[in-house]
Amino acid sequence: MCLSHDNRTTVMQYVAQVNGERIPVQISDTDADRNYEGYSINYYATMDATIIIYDISNQESLENVTDICERWEIYSSRKTKPVAILVGNKSDMKREINKEDVEIFAEKKHIPHIETSAKLNENVTDMFMSVIKRLTENGGDGTGDNDDDVDDSDDGGDTVPITSKKNSTCSCVIS
């Protein structure tokens, strides 16, 4: 679930409505398959949130998530951890990955898990709004879980075009 199909980082602007307040969000979409270790150190150290995405129809994409989570834990080693969420994309496809195994993994890492279909636009807004809400509640420590006051109605802000890229694992970073 990448914002672009090439190997460059894509940056999108998004405006969310949370508790009646317009929150500007910058989303940087990186292809986590790229092994830019030096880039990752600086990147993870300055982010406020990460959305770690795997393809539920591709077992290999989930295997890449372990490495991504390890890098996130190492490089985001500041006092307040960034918000993180684990996203299983392509819920409209035939499942190759056991959902219970993913939920156990996410629980061990203390990362919420959600499944989406970018193709059908299912849970995509919920996923972004959950991350944004947790950021506004807790200053980036990733512990918020109350989405009662999230207004995901169309507020005239920019929308984030989400498309799929076959066999990819991405880390979309909100900063």
N, C-alpha and C. Protein backbone atom coordinates (compact mmCIF):
# COMPACT_ATOMS: atom_id res chain seq x y z
N MET A 1 0.85 -1.16 0.00
CA MET A 1 0.00 0.00 0.00
C MET A 1 0.89 1.23 0.00
N CYS A 2 1.43 1.56 -1.11
CA CYS A 2 2.31 2.71 -1.23
C CYS A 2 1.59 3.84 -1.94
N LEU A 3 2.03 5.03 -1.68
CA LEU A 3 1.45 6.18 -2.35
C LEU A 3 1.94 6.32 -3.77
N SER A 4 3.09 5.75 -4.08
CA SER A 4 3.60 5.83 -5.44
C SER A 4 4.21 4.50 -5.83
N HIS A 5 4.40 4.32 -7.13
CA HIS A 5 4.92 3.07 -7.64
C HIS A 5 6.40 3.11 -7.95
N ASP A 6 7.07 4.21 -7.66
CA ASP A 6 8.50 4.25 -7.95
C ASP A 6 9.27 4.11 -6.64
N ASN A 7 10.58 4.21 -6.70
CA ASN A 7 11.42 3.98 -5.54
C ASN A 7 11.76 5.23 -4.76
N ARG A 8 11.19 6.36 -5.13
CA ARG A 8 11.46 7.60 -4.40
C ARG A 8 10.48 7.74 -3.25
N THR A 9 10.88 8.50 -2.26
CA THR A 9 9.98 8.82 -1.17
C THR A 9 8.93 9.79 -1.68
N THR A 10 7.67 9.52 -1.36
CA THR A 10 6.57 10.38 -1.75
C THR A 10 6.08 11.11 -0.50
N VAL A 11 5.88 12.41 -0.59
CA VAL A 11 5.39 13.20 0.53
C VAL A 11 4.04 13.79 0.14
N MET A 12 3.04 13.57 0.99
CA MET A 12 1.69 14.07 0.75
C MET A 12 1.26 14.93 1.93
N GLN A 13 0.47 15.94 1.66
CA GLN A 13 -0.11 16.77 2.71
C GLN A 13 -1.56 16.32 2.93
N TYR A 14 -1.98 16.29 4.17
CA TYR A 14 -3.33 15.84 4.52
C TYR A 14 -3.82 16.71 5.67
N VAL A 15 -5.09 17.03 5.69
CA VAL A 15 -5.68 17.78 6.79
C VAL A 15 -6.75 16.90 7.42
N ALA A 16 -6.63 16.66 8.72
CA ALA A 16 -7.60 15.84 9.45
C ALA A 16 -8.37 16.72 10.42
N GLN A 17 -9.59 16.34 10.71
CA GLN A 17 -10.42 17.04 11.67
C GLN A 17 -10.47 16.18 12.93
N VAL A 18 -9.89 16.66 14.05
CA VAL A 18 -9.88 15.93 15.31
C VAL A 18 -10.36 16.87 16.40
N ASN A 19 -11.40 16.45 17.12
CA ASN A 19 -11.97 17.26 18.20
C ASN A 19 -12.28 18.68 17.74
N GLY A 20 -12.78 18.82 16.52
CA GLY A 20 -13.13 20.12 15.98
C GLY A 20 -11.96 20.95 15.51
N GLU A 21 -10.76 20.42 15.59
CA GLU A 21 -9.57 21.15 15.18
C GLU A 21 -8.99 20.54 13.91
N ARG A 22 -8.58 21.41 12.99
CA ARG A 22 -7.94 20.94 11.75
C ARG A 22 -6.46 20.67 12.04
N ILE A 23 -6.04 19.45 11.79
CA ILE A 23 -4.67 19.04 12.07
C ILE A 23 -3.95 18.78 10.75
N PRO A 24 -2.93 19.59 10.41
CA PRO A 24 -2.17 19.31 9.19
C PRO A 24 -1.22 18.14 9.43
N VAL A 25 -1.17 17.25 8.47
CA VAL A 25 -0.33 16.06 8.58
C VAL A 25 0.51 15.94 7.31
N GLN A 26 1.76 15.66 7.48
CA GLN A 26 2.63 15.36 6.34
C GLN A 26 2.93 13.87 6.37
N ILE A 27 2.63 13.18 5.30
CA ILE A 27 2.85 11.74 5.22
C ILE A 27 3.96 11.49 4.23
N SER A 28 5.01 10.84 4.71
CA SER A 28 6.13 10.45 3.85
C SER A 28 6.03 8.95 3.63
N ASP A 29 5.91 8.56 2.39
CA ASP A 29 5.78 7.14 2.05
C ASP A 29 7.11 6.64 1.54
N THR A 30 7.67 5.68 2.26
CA THR A 30 8.94 5.10 1.84
C THR A 30 8.74 3.63 1.52
N ASP A 31 9.50 3.12 0.61
CA ASP A 31 9.49 1.71 0.27
C ASP A 31 10.45 1.01 1.22
N ALA A 32 9.91 0.27 2.17
CA ALA A 32 10.74 -0.37 3.19
C ALA A 32 11.61 -1.48 2.62
N ASP A 33 11.36 -1.91 1.41
CA ASP A 33 12.21 -2.93 0.79
C ASP A 33 13.59 -2.38 0.48
N ARG A 34 13.70 -1.05 0.36
CA ARG A 34 15.00 -0.44 0.12
C ARG A 34 15.82 -0.53 1.39
N ASN A 35 17.08 -0.81 1.27
CA ASN A 35 17.94 -0.97 2.43
C ASN A 35 18.84 0.25 2.58
N TYR A 36 18.27 1.38 2.93
CA TYR A 36 19.03 2.60 3.15
C TYR A 36 19.24 2.77 4.64
N GLU A 37 20.19 2.04 5.19
CA GLU A 37 20.40 2.01 6.63
C GLU A 37 20.72 3.39 7.20
N GLY A 38 21.61 4.15 6.56
CA GLY A 38 21.96 5.49 7.04
C GLY A 38 20.76 6.42 7.01
N TYR A 39 19.98 6.32 5.95
CA TYR A 39 18.77 7.12 5.82
C TYR A 39 17.79 6.76 6.92
N SER A 40 17.67 5.49 7.22
CA SER A 40 16.72 5.02 8.22
C SER A 40 17.01 5.59 9.60
N ILE A 41 18.28 5.66 9.96
CA ILE A 41 18.63 6.15 11.28
C ILE A 41 18.08 7.56 11.49
N ASN A 42 18.34 8.47 10.58
CA ASN A 42 17.83 9.83 10.69
C ASN A 42 16.32 9.88 10.56
N TYR A 43 15.79 9.07 9.68
CA TYR A 43 14.36 9.08 9.40
C TYR A 43 13.55 8.64 10.61
N TYR A 44 13.91 7.50 11.18
CA TYR A 44 13.18 6.98 12.33
C TYR A 44 13.35 7.88 13.55
N ALA A 45 14.50 8.52 13.70
CA ALA A 45 14.77 9.35 14.87
C ALA A 45 13.91 10.60 14.91
N THR A 46 13.41 11.06 13.77
CA THR A 46 12.65 12.32 13.74
C THR A 46 11.16 12.15 13.50
N MET A 47 10.68 10.94 13.30
CA MET A 47 9.27 10.77 12.98
C MET A 47 8.40 10.77 14.23
N ASP A 48 7.13 11.09 14.03
CA ASP A 48 6.16 11.06 15.11
C ASP A 48 5.34 9.78 15.09
N ALA A 49 5.21 9.15 13.93
CA ALA A 49 4.41 7.93 13.81
C ALA A 49 4.90 7.11 12.62
N THR A 50 4.62 5.83 12.69
CA THR A 50 4.91 4.97 11.55
C THR A 50 3.74 4.02 11.32
N ILE A 51 3.43 3.83 10.06
CA ILE A 51 2.39 2.89 9.66
C ILE A 51 3.11 1.79 8.89
N ILE A 52 3.18 0.62 9.51
CA ILE A 52 3.91 -0.50 8.92
C ILE A 52 2.90 -1.39 8.20
N ILE A 53 3.08 -1.52 6.90
CA ILE A 53 2.07 -2.17 6.07
C ILE A 53 2.61 -3.45 5.46
N TYR A 54 1.79 -4.50 5.54
CA TYR A 54 2.11 -5.75 4.86
C TYR A 54 0.91 -6.18 4.04
N ASP A 55 1.13 -7.10 3.13
CA ASP A 55 0.11 -7.60 2.21
C ASP A 55 -0.42 -8.92 2.76
N ILE A 56 -1.70 -9.00 3.14
CA ILE A 56 -2.22 -10.23 3.75
C ILE A 56 -2.25 -11.41 2.78
N SER A 57 -2.06 -11.14 1.50
CA SER A 57 -2.04 -12.22 0.51
C SER A 57 -0.61 -12.63 0.14
N ASN A 58 0.38 -12.16 0.92
CA ASN A 58 1.78 -12.43 0.59
C ASN A 58 2.58 -12.65 1.88
N GLN A 59 2.90 -13.91 2.18
CA GLN A 59 3.61 -14.27 3.41
C GLN A 59 4.95 -13.54 3.53
N GLU A 60 5.65 -13.37 2.42
CA GLU A 60 6.96 -12.72 2.44
C GLU A 60 6.86 -11.28 2.96
N SER A 61 5.77 -10.60 2.65
CA SER A 61 5.63 -9.22 3.11
C SER A 61 5.55 -9.14 4.63
N LEU A 62 4.95 -10.15 5.26
CA LEU A 62 4.88 -10.16 6.73
C LEU A 62 6.26 -10.43 7.33
N GLU A 63 7.03 -11.26 6.67
CA GLU A 63 8.39 -11.54 7.16
C GLU A 63 9.23 -10.27 7.17
N ASN A 64 9.01 -9.38 6.23
CA ASN A 64 9.73 -8.10 6.20
C ASN A 64 9.34 -7.19 7.36
N VAL A 65 8.13 -7.37 7.89
CA VAL A 65 7.63 -6.53 8.98
C VAL A 65 8.51 -6.68 10.22
N THR A 66 8.99 -7.88 10.49
CA THR A 66 9.85 -8.09 11.66
C THR A 66 11.07 -7.19 11.61
N ASP A 67 11.72 -7.13 10.46
CA ASP A 67 12.89 -6.26 10.29
C ASP A 67 12.53 -4.79 10.45
N ILE A 68 11.42 -4.40 9.87
CA ILE A 68 10.97 -3.01 9.97
C ILE A 68 10.71 -2.64 11.42
N CYS A 69 10.03 -3.52 12.16
CA CYS A 69 9.74 -3.25 13.58
C CYS A 69 11.02 -3.16 14.40
N GLU A 70 11.98 -4.02 14.11
CA GLU A 70 13.26 -3.95 14.82
C GLU A 70 13.97 -2.63 14.56
N ARG A 71 13.99 -2.18 13.30
CA ARG A 71 14.61 -0.89 12.99
C ARG A 71 13.87 0.24 13.69
N TRP A 72 12.56 0.17 13.70
CA TRP A 72 11.75 1.20 14.35
C TRP A 72 12.09 1.28 15.83
N GLU A 73 12.19 0.12 16.49
CA GLU A 73 12.49 0.10 17.92
C GLU A 73 13.89 0.63 18.22
N ILE A 74 14.85 0.30 17.38
CA ILE A 74 16.24 0.74 17.59
C ILE A 74 16.39 2.22 17.30
N TYR A 75 15.94 2.64 16.13
CA TYR A 75 16.22 4.00 15.68
C TYR A 75 15.30 5.05 16.28
N SER A 76 14.19 4.64 16.82
CA SER A 76 13.30 5.61 17.45
C SER A 76 13.51 5.57 18.96
N SER A 77 14.75 5.47 19.37
CA SER A 77 15.09 5.28 20.77
C SER A 77 15.15 6.59 21.54
N ARG A 78 14.13 7.38 21.41
CA ARG A 78 14.05 8.58 22.22
C ARG A 78 13.08 8.31 23.38
N LYS A 79 12.98 9.23 24.30
CA LYS A 79 12.17 9.00 25.50
C LYS A 79 10.72 8.70 25.15
N THR A 80 10.14 9.46 24.25
CA THR A 80 8.76 9.25 23.84
C THR A 80 8.75 8.51 22.51
N LYS A 81 8.25 7.28 22.52
CA LYS A 81 8.21 6.48 21.30
C LYS A 81 7.18 7.06 20.33
N PRO A 82 7.47 6.98 19.05
CA PRO A 82 6.47 7.39 18.05
C PRO A 82 5.27 6.45 18.07
N VAL A 83 4.15 6.94 17.65
CA VAL A 83 2.96 6.12 17.48
C VAL A 83 3.23 5.15 16.33
N ALA A 84 2.77 3.92 16.48
CA ALA A 84 2.93 2.93 15.41
C ALA A 84 1.63 2.15 15.26
N ILE A 85 1.40 1.67 14.05
CA ILE A 85 0.27 0.80 13.78
C ILE A 85 0.71 -0.20 12.71
N LEU A 86 0.26 -1.44 12.86
CA LEU A 86 0.56 -2.49 11.90
C LEU A 86 -0.68 -2.69 11.04
N VAL A 87 -0.52 -2.59 9.73
CA VAL A 87 -1.66 -2.63 8.81
C VAL A 87 -1.52 -3.79 7.84
N GLY A 88 -2.52 -4.65 7.84
CA GLY A 88 -2.61 -5.71 6.84
C GLY A 88 -3.45 -5.20 5.69
N ASN A 89 -2.84 -4.95 4.56
CA ASN A 89 -3.56 -4.43 3.40
C ASN A 89 -4.01 -5.57 2.49
N LYS A 90 -4.89 -5.23 1.58
CA LYS A 90 -5.45 -6.15 0.58
C LYS A 90 -6.41 -7.16 1.23
N SER A 91 -7.23 -6.68 2.16
CA SER A 91 -8.21 -7.56 2.80
C SER A 91 -9.25 -8.05 1.81
N ASP A 92 -9.25 -7.49 0.62
CA ASP A 92 -10.16 -7.93 -0.44
C ASP A 92 -9.60 -9.14 -1.20
N MET A 93 -8.37 -9.53 -0.90
CA MET A 93 -7.72 -10.64 -1.59
C MET A 93 -7.78 -11.92 -0.74
N LYS A 94 -7.42 -13.04 -1.36
CA LYS A 94 -7.37 -14.31 -0.65
C LYS A 94 -6.24 -14.25 0.38
N ARG A 95 -6.59 -14.57 1.62
CA ARG A 95 -5.65 -14.48 2.74
C ARG A 95 -4.61 -15.60 2.67
N GLU A 96 -3.33 -15.22 2.79
CA GLU A 96 -2.23 -16.18 2.89
C GLU A 96 -1.64 -16.17 4.29
N ILE A 97 -1.93 -15.11 5.04
CA ILE A 97 -1.34 -14.91 6.36
C ILE A 97 -2.40 -15.14 7.43
N ASN A 98 -2.04 -15.90 8.46
CA ASN A 98 -2.94 -16.19 9.56
C ASN A 98 -3.12 -14.94 10.42
N LYS A 99 -4.35 -14.47 10.51
CA LYS A 99 -4.64 -13.23 11.24
C LYS A 99 -4.28 -13.34 12.72
N GLU A 100 -4.53 -14.49 13.33
CA GLU A 100 -4.23 -14.66 14.74
C GLU A 100 -2.73 -14.53 15.01
N ASP A 101 -1.90 -15.07 14.11
CA ASP A 101 -0.44 -14.94 14.27
C ASP A 101 -0.01 -13.48 14.24
N VAL A 102 -0.62 -12.71 13.35
CA VAL A 102 -0.29 -11.29 13.25
C VAL A 102 -0.71 -10.55 14.51
N GLU A 103 -1.89 -10.88 15.03
CA GLU A 103 -2.37 -10.21 16.23
C GLU A 103 -1.49 -10.52 17.44
N ILE A 104 -0.99 -11.75 17.53
CA ILE A 104 -0.05 -12.11 18.60
C ILE A 104 1.24 -11.30 18.45
N PHE A 105 1.76 -11.22 17.23
CA PHE A 105 2.97 -10.43 16.96
C PHE A 105 2.76 -8.97 17.35
N ALA A 106 1.64 -8.40 16.92
CA ALA A 106 1.35 -6.98 17.22
C ALA A 106 1.23 -6.76 18.72
N GLU A 107 0.61 -7.69 19.41
CA GLU A 107 0.46 -7.57 20.86
C GLU A 107 1.82 -7.60 21.55
N LYS A 108 2.71 -8.50 21.11
CA LYS A 108 4.06 -8.57 21.69
C LYS A 108 4.83 -7.27 21.47
N LYS A 109 4.61 -6.64 20.33
CA LYS A 109 5.29 -5.39 20.00
C LYS A 109 4.55 -4.16 20.55
N HIS A 110 3.39 -4.38 21.15
CA HIS A 110 2.56 -3.29 21.68
C HIS A 110 2.16 -2.32 20.58
N ILE A 111 1.80 -2.88 19.42
CA ILE A 111 1.40 -2.08 18.27
C ILE A 111 -0.02 -2.50 17.88
N PRO A 112 -0.95 -1.55 17.74
CA PRO A 112 -2.29 -1.91 17.26
C PRO A 112 -2.23 -2.49 15.85
N HIS A 113 -3.21 -3.31 15.52
CA HIS A 113 -3.27 -3.95 14.20
C HIS A 113 -4.64 -3.70 13.59
N ILE A 114 -4.66 -3.41 12.31
CA ILE A 114 -5.91 -3.21 11.57
C ILE A 114 -5.72 -3.78 10.17
N GLU A 115 -6.80 -4.25 9.58
CA GLU A 115 -6.74 -4.70 8.19
C GLU A 115 -7.51 -3.72 7.32
N THR A 116 -6.96 -3.47 6.13
CA THR A 116 -7.55 -2.51 5.20
C THR A 116 -7.60 -3.10 3.80
N SER A 117 -8.39 -2.45 2.98
CA SER A 117 -8.35 -2.69 1.54
C SER A 117 -8.26 -1.33 0.88
N ALA A 118 -7.08 -1.00 0.39
CA ALA A 118 -6.91 0.27 -0.32
C ALA A 118 -7.75 0.27 -1.59
N LYS A 119 -7.84 -0.89 -2.23
CA LYS A 119 -8.60 -1.01 -3.47
C LYS A 119 -10.07 -0.67 -3.25
N LEU A 120 -10.64 -1.17 -2.15
CA LEU A 120 -12.06 -0.93 -1.84
C LEU A 120 -12.25 0.24 -0.88
N ASN A 121 -11.16 0.87 -0.47
CA ASN A 121 -11.18 1.98 0.48
C ASN A 121 -11.85 1.58 1.80
N GLU A 122 -11.53 0.38 2.28
CA GLU A 122 -12.08 -0.11 3.55
C GLU A 122 -11.06 0.10 4.67
N ASN A 123 -11.47 0.79 5.71
CA ASN A 123 -10.67 1.05 6.91
C ASN A 123 -9.46 1.95 6.68
N VAL A 124 -9.29 2.50 5.49
CA VAL A 124 -8.13 3.35 5.22
C VAL A 124 -8.23 4.64 6.04
N THR A 125 -9.36 5.31 5.97
CA THR A 125 -9.54 6.54 6.75
C THR A 125 -9.46 6.24 8.24
N ASP A 126 -10.08 5.14 8.67
CA ASP A 126 -10.03 4.76 10.09
C ASP A 126 -8.60 4.57 10.56
N MET A 127 -7.78 3.96 9.72
CA MET A 127 -6.39 3.72 10.07
C MET A 127 -5.64 5.05 10.26
N PHE A 128 -5.76 5.95 9.29
CA PHE A 128 -5.09 7.24 9.40
C PHE A 128 -5.62 8.04 10.59
N MET A 129 -6.91 8.05 10.77
CA MET A 129 -7.49 8.84 11.86
C MET A 129 -7.11 8.27 13.23
N SER A 130 -6.98 6.96 13.34
CA SER A 130 -6.54 6.35 14.59
C SER A 130 -5.14 6.84 14.96
N VAL A 131 -4.25 6.86 13.98
CA VAL A 131 -2.88 7.33 14.22
C VAL A 131 -2.88 8.81 14.59
N ILE A 132 -3.60 9.61 13.85
CA ILE A 132 -3.64 11.06 14.11
C ILE A 132 -4.24 11.34 15.48
N LYS A 133 -5.29 10.64 15.83
CA LYS A 133 -5.93 10.81 17.14
C LYS A 133 -4.95 10.47 18.27
N ARG A 134 -4.24 9.36 18.13
CA ARG A 134 -3.27 8.96 19.15
C ARG A 134 -2.15 9.98 19.27
N LEU A 135 -1.74 10.56 18.15
CA LEU A 135 -0.71 11.60 18.18
C LEU A 135 -1.18 12.82 18.96
N THR A 136 -2.40 13.25 18.70
CA THR A 136 -2.90 14.46 19.36
C THR A 136 -3.18 14.23 20.83
N GLU A 137 -3.52 13.00 21.22
CA GLU A 137 -3.82 12.71 22.62
C GLU A 137 -2.57 12.58 23.48
N ASN A 138 -1.52 12.03 22.91
CA ASN A 138 -0.40 11.62 23.75
C ASN A 138 0.95 12.13 23.30
N GLY A 139 0.99 13.10 22.44
CA GLY A 139 2.28 13.66 22.04
C GLY A 139 3.24 12.67 21.42
N GLY A 140 2.70 11.61 20.82
CA GLY A 140 3.55 10.67 20.10
C GLY A 140 3.99 9.47 20.89
N ASP A 141 3.40 9.21 22.11
CA ASP A 141 3.89 8.05 22.86
C ASP A 141 3.19 6.76 22.49
N GLY A 142 2.20 6.82 21.61
CA GLY A 142 1.61 5.61 21.06
C GLY A 142 0.65 4.88 21.97
N THR A 143 0.23 5.47 23.10
CA THR A 143 -0.61 4.73 24.02
C THR A 143 -2.08 5.06 23.92
N GLY A 144 -2.48 6.02 23.12
CA GLY A 144 -3.89 6.39 23.02
C GLY A 144 -4.70 5.33 22.31
N ASP A 145 -5.94 5.14 22.78
CA ASP A 145 -6.78 4.16 22.12
C ASP A 145 -8.24 4.58 22.05
N ASN A 146 -8.57 5.80 22.37
CA ASN A 146 -9.95 6.25 22.36
C ASN A 146 -10.21 7.07 21.11
N ASP A 147 -11.01 6.52 20.20
CA ASP A 147 -11.31 7.21 18.94
C ASP A 147 -12.70 7.86 18.95
N ASP A 148 -13.30 8.04 20.14
CA ASP A 148 -14.67 8.53 20.20
C ASP A 148 -14.86 9.90 19.58
N ASP A 149 -13.85 10.78 19.66
CA ASP A 149 -14.01 12.15 19.19
C ASP A 149 -13.44 12.40 17.81
N VAL A 150 -13.13 11.34 17.09
CA VAL A 150 -12.56 11.51 15.75
C VAL A 150 -13.67 11.80 14.76
N ASP A 151 -13.51 12.88 14.02
CA ASP A 151 -14.45 13.24 12.96
C ASP A 151 -13.77 12.98 11.64
N ASP A 152 -14.16 11.88 10.97
CA ASP A 152 -13.52 11.56 9.71
C ASP A 152 -14.37 11.99 8.52
N SER A 153 -15.28 12.92 8.77
CA SER A 153 -16.10 13.42 7.67
C SER A 153 -15.26 14.28 6.75
N ASP A 154 -15.72 14.47 5.54
CA ASP A 154 -14.99 15.28 4.56
C ASP A 154 -15.01 16.73 5.01
N ASP A 155 -13.84 17.26 5.33
CA ASP A 155 -13.75 18.64 5.81
C ASP A 155 -13.18 19.58 4.77
N GLY A 156 -13.08 19.11 3.55
CA GLY A 156 -12.54 19.95 2.50
C GLY A 156 -11.03 19.91 2.41
N GLY A 157 -10.39 19.13 3.31
CA GLY A 157 -8.94 19.02 3.27
C GLY A 157 -8.50 18.10 2.15
N ASP A 158 -7.20 18.06 1.95
CA ASP A 158 -6.66 17.18 0.93
C ASP A 158 -6.89 15.73 1.34
N THR A 159 -7.07 14.88 0.36
CA THR A 159 -7.18 13.46 0.65
C THR A 159 -5.89 12.78 0.26
N VAL A 160 -5.64 11.65 0.87
CA VAL A 160 -4.43 10.91 0.60
C VAL A 160 -4.74 9.81 -0.40
N PRO A 161 -4.21 9.89 -1.62
CA PRO A 161 -4.46 8.82 -2.58
C PRO A 161 -3.63 7.60 -2.22
N ILE A 162 -4.28 6.49 -1.96
CA ILE A 162 -3.60 5.27 -1.58
C ILE A 162 -3.79 4.25 -2.69
N THR A 163 -2.72 3.68 -3.16
CA THR A 163 -2.79 2.63 -4.16
C THR A 163 -1.91 1.48 -3.71
N SER A 164 -2.08 0.35 -4.32
CA SER A 164 -1.30 -0.83 -3.95
C SER A 164 -0.12 -1.01 -4.88
N LYS A 165 0.92 -1.62 -4.37
CA LYS A 165 2.06 -2.00 -5.18
C LYS A 165 2.31 -3.48 -4.91
N LYS A 166 2.26 -4.29 -5.93
CA LYS A 166 2.38 -5.73 -5.78
C LYS A 166 3.66 -6.10 -5.02
N ASN A 167 3.49 -7.03 -4.05
CA ASN A 167 4.60 -7.59 -3.29
C ASN A 167 5.43 -6.53 -2.58
N SER A 168 4.78 -5.54 -2.00
CA SER A 168 5.55 -4.50 -1.32
C SER A 168 5.23 -4.47 0.16
N THR A 169 6.16 -3.96 0.91
CA THR A 169 5.97 -3.63 2.30
C THR A 169 6.43 -2.20 2.44
N CYS A 170 5.62 -1.35 3.01
CA CYS A 170 5.96 0.06 3.10
C CYS A 170 5.85 0.52 4.53
N SER A 171 6.53 1.56 4.83
CA SER A 171 6.39 2.23 6.10
C SER A 171 6.03 3.67 5.79
N CYS A 172 4.79 4.02 6.01
CA CYS A 172 4.33 5.38 5.78
C CYS A 172 4.54 6.13 7.09
N VAL A 173 5.25 7.21 7.05
CA VAL A 173 5.64 7.91 8.26
C VAL A 173 4.93 9.23 8.35
N ILE A 174 4.30 9.48 9.47
CA ILE A 174 3.61 10.73 9.70
C ILE A 174 4.51 11.60 10.56
N SER A 175 4.80 12.80 10.08
CA SER A 175 5.66 13.69 10.87
C SER A 175 5.08 15.08 10.90
